[in-house]
Amino acid sequence: MADGVGLEARMDELSARVRELEAIRELTKLRNAFHHCLNSLNWTGLGALFTTDAHLDYGSLGDVRGRTAIQEYYSTLLPKMVEFQGASEVVLMNFNQVHQVAVDGDRATGACFFEEHVRFDKEDLVYQSVGRFSDSYVLADGRWLFDRVELDHYWLVPENKKFRWPW
């Protein structure tokens, strides 16, 4: 029966690999949902992607804890940007790229790069933003959620007729 034991071990190994791949897929869907909610201004949906005691660390742009506070942070972020720029409207499109995750049981970590286009209703107020999100995730009640999201903003540059890249 040595072959049966070897087969059982192989099945256990394959089952573990499938669970990891399924987790990676679910985490990628979670990260995609984050950007979809952000782009569609769905603050309730965005808040639902976080644990109740999650931590959002945007550095100098804000640091909040808890699902409710995170939802409130996002719901007030764009109006604050509009007010700061003296505009009356802003359109934001955020695109995620190169999502990488490492799964360890019911916890995981990940990183995702993003490109963001921010357009105010004034012609000369158009910006391109690039950076990285570093995430911690937790599997809660069979669903992956963000436990921590940290923003590392690489740059925010104007994208208009007056600005030219140096190269």
Protein backbone atom coordinates (compact mmCIF):
# COMPACT_ATOMS: atom_id res chain seq x y z
CA MET A 1 0.00 0.00 0.00
CA ALA A 2 3.00 2.32 -0.26
CA ASP A 3 1.57 3.70 -3.51
CA GLY A 4 -1.67 4.62 -1.72
CA VAL A 5 0.22 6.58 0.91
CA GLY A 6 2.20 8.39 -1.78
CA LEU A 7 -0.99 9.15 -3.68
CA GLU A 8 -2.66 10.52 -0.55
CA ALA A 9 0.31 12.80 0.17
CA ARG A 10 0.31 13.98 -3.44
CA MET A 11 -3.43 14.73 -3.27
CA ASP A 12 -2.90 16.71 -0.03
CA GLU A 13 -0.12 18.70 -1.71
CA LEU A 14 -2.25 19.42 -4.78
CA SER A 15 -5.22 20.41 -2.61
CA ALA A 16 -3.02 22.88 -0.72
CA ARG A 17 -1.74 24.37 -3.99
CA VAL A 18 -5.29 24.74 -5.31
CA ARG A 19 -6.35 26.50 -2.07
CA GLU A 20 -3.42 28.90 -2.43
CA LEU A 21 -4.25 29.63 -6.08
CA GLU A 22 -7.90 30.19 -5.19
CA ALA A 23 -6.84 32.59 -2.43
CA ILE A 24 -4.57 34.50 -4.83
CA ARG A 25 -7.43 34.78 -7.31
CA GLU A 26 -9.82 36.05 -4.61
CA LEU A 27 -7.23 38.58 -3.42
CA THR A 28 -6.77 39.85 -6.98
CA LYS A 29 -10.55 40.23 -7.26
CA LEU A 30 -10.52 42.14 -3.95
CA ARG A 31 -7.82 44.52 -5.20
CA ASN A 32 -9.73 45.02 -8.48
CA ALA A 33 -12.93 45.74 -6.53
CA PHE A 34 -11.06 48.41 -4.54
CA HIS A 35 -10.19 50.31 -7.73
CA HIS A 36 -13.64 49.77 -9.24
CA CYS A 37 -15.31 51.23 -6.13
CA LEU A 38 -12.83 54.11 -6.09
CA ASN A 39 -13.47 54.95 -9.75
CA SER A 40 -17.25 54.67 -9.43
CA LEU A 41 -17.31 56.68 -6.16
CA ASN A 42 -18.95 53.75 -4.36
CA TRP A 43 -17.82 54.57 -0.83
CA THR A 44 -20.15 52.05 0.83
CA GLY A 45 -18.84 49.29 -1.42
CA LEU A 46 -15.27 50.40 -0.78
CA GLY A 47 -15.78 50.36 2.98
CA ALA A 48 -17.21 46.84 2.78
CA LEU A 49 -13.85 45.59 1.44
CA PHE A 50 -12.17 46.31 4.80
CA THR A 51 -12.26 44.57 8.17
CA THR A 52 -14.09 46.45 10.92
CA ASP A 53 -10.78 47.46 12.52
CA ALA A 54 -8.70 47.95 9.34
CA HIS A 55 -5.96 50.56 9.04
CA LEU A 56 -5.66 52.94 6.07
CA ASP A 57 -2.29 54.72 5.95
CA TYR A 58 -2.01 57.37 3.25
CA GLY A 59 0.92 59.12 4.94
CA SER A 60 0.57 62.90 4.84
CA LEU A 61 -2.78 62.48 3.06
CA GLY A 62 -4.39 60.78 6.04
CA ASP A 63 -4.24 57.89 8.47
CA VAL A 64 -7.50 56.34 9.70
CA ARG A 65 -8.61 53.17 11.48
CA GLY A 66 -11.84 51.25 11.20
CA ARG A 67 -14.18 50.46 8.32
CA THR A 68 -16.50 53.37 9.09
CA ALA A 69 -13.64 55.89 9.31
CA ILE A 70 -12.15 54.55 6.07
CA GLN A 71 -15.47 54.92 4.27
CA GLU A 72 -15.80 58.47 5.64
CA TYR A 73 -12.22 59.29 4.60
CA TYR A 74 -12.87 58.32 0.98
CA SER A 75 -16.28 60.02 0.85
CA THR A 76 -14.70 63.35 1.86
CA LEU A 77 -11.41 63.05 -0.07
CA LEU A 78 -12.60 64.28 -3.47
CA PRO A 79 -14.60 67.25 -2.11
CA LYS A 80 -11.49 68.27 -0.16
CA MET A 81 -9.41 68.05 -3.35
CA VAL A 82 -11.94 70.17 -5.25
CA GLU A 83 -11.98 72.79 -2.50
CA PHE A 84 -8.18 72.86 -2.28
CA GLN A 85 -7.86 73.44 -6.04
CA GLY A 86 -10.63 76.04 -6.16
CA ALA A 87 -12.50 73.94 -8.68
CA SER A 88 -16.10 72.81 -8.75
CA GLU A 89 -15.66 69.23 -10.01
CA VAL A 90 -13.08 66.45 -10.22
CA VAL A 91 -12.96 63.19 -12.15
CA LEU A 92 -10.65 60.47 -10.88
CA MET A 93 -9.62 57.29 -12.69
CA ASN A 94 -7.33 54.86 -10.88
CA PHE A 95 -5.80 51.85 -12.66
CA ASN A 96 -4.12 49.01 -10.79
CA GLN A 97 -1.19 47.08 -12.19
CA VAL A 98 1.10 44.19 -11.22
CA HIS A 99 -0.76 42.82 -8.21
CA GLN A 100 1.48 40.44 -6.24
CA VAL A 101 0.41 38.44 -3.19
CA ALA A 102 1.83 35.96 -0.71
CA VAL A 103 -0.63 33.76 1.17
CA ASP A 104 0.02 32.33 4.62
CA GLY A 105 -3.08 30.46 5.79
CA ASP A 106 -5.87 32.92 6.59
CA ARG A 107 -3.56 35.94 6.23
CA ALA A 108 -1.81 37.40 3.21
CA THR A 109 0.25 40.37 2.09
CA GLY A 110 0.32 42.07 -1.27
CA ALA A 111 1.52 44.95 -3.35
CA CYS A 112 -0.07 46.72 -6.27
CA PHE A 113 1.18 49.57 -8.42
CA PHE A 114 -1.26 52.15 -9.71
CA GLU A 115 -1.60 54.96 -12.19
CA GLU A 116 -4.18 57.62 -11.53
CA HIS A 117 -5.55 60.44 -13.64
CA VAL A 118 -7.10 63.37 -11.79
CA ARG A 119 -9.01 65.93 -13.86
CA PHE A 120 -10.59 69.03 -12.41
CA ASP A 121 -13.09 71.17 -14.30
CA LYS A 122 -10.38 73.73 -15.01
CA GLU A 123 -8.29 73.08 -18.13
CA ASP A 124 -4.93 73.57 -16.44
CA LEU A 125 -5.76 71.28 -13.49
CA VAL A 126 -5.00 67.81 -14.81
CA TYR A 127 -2.60 65.51 -12.96
CA GLN A 128 -1.08 62.09 -13.29
CA SER A 129 -0.26 60.18 -10.14
CA VAL A 130 1.79 56.99 -9.78
CA GLY A 131 2.48 54.89 -6.70
CA ARG A 132 2.18 51.64 -4.84
CA PHE A 133 -0.29 50.12 -2.41
CA SER A 134 1.07 47.69 0.19
CA ASP A 135 -1.69 45.53 1.66
CA SER A 136 -2.36 43.09 4.46
CA TYR A 137 -5.38 40.82 4.09
CA VAL A 138 -7.31 38.52 6.38
CA LEU A 139 -9.76 35.74 5.59
CA ALA A 140 -12.86 36.44 7.71
CA ASP A 141 -15.97 34.27 7.52
CA GLY A 142 -14.80 32.78 4.23
CA ARG A 143 -14.16 36.17 2.59
CA TRP A 144 -10.86 37.98 2.04
CA LEU A 145 -10.79 41.58 3.29
CA PHE A 146 -8.24 44.36 3.57
CA ASP A 147 -6.78 44.58 7.07
CA ARG A 148 -4.30 47.33 6.16
CA VAL A 149 -3.68 49.46 3.07
CA GLU A 150 -0.62 51.70 2.89
CA LEU A 151 -0.06 54.20 0.08
CA ASP A 152 3.42 55.04 -1.19
CA HIS A 153 2.95 57.95 -3.59
CA TYR A 154 5.83 58.08 -6.07
CA TRP A 155 4.80 61.28 -7.81
CA LEU A 156 1.98 63.59 -8.76
CA VAL A 157 2.74 65.66 -11.83
CA PRO A 158 0.70 68.08 -13.92
CA GLU A 159 -0.41 66.74 -17.27
CA ASN A 160 -1.09 69.81 -19.36
CA LYS A 161 0.32 72.10 -22.03
CA LYS A 162 2.56 73.96 -19.60
CA PHE A 163 4.34 70.89 -18.24
CA ARG A 164 6.95 68.94 -20.20
CA TRP A 165 8.96 65.97 -19.04
CA PRO A 166 12.70 66.75 -19.09
CA TRP A 167 13.50 63.91 -21.52
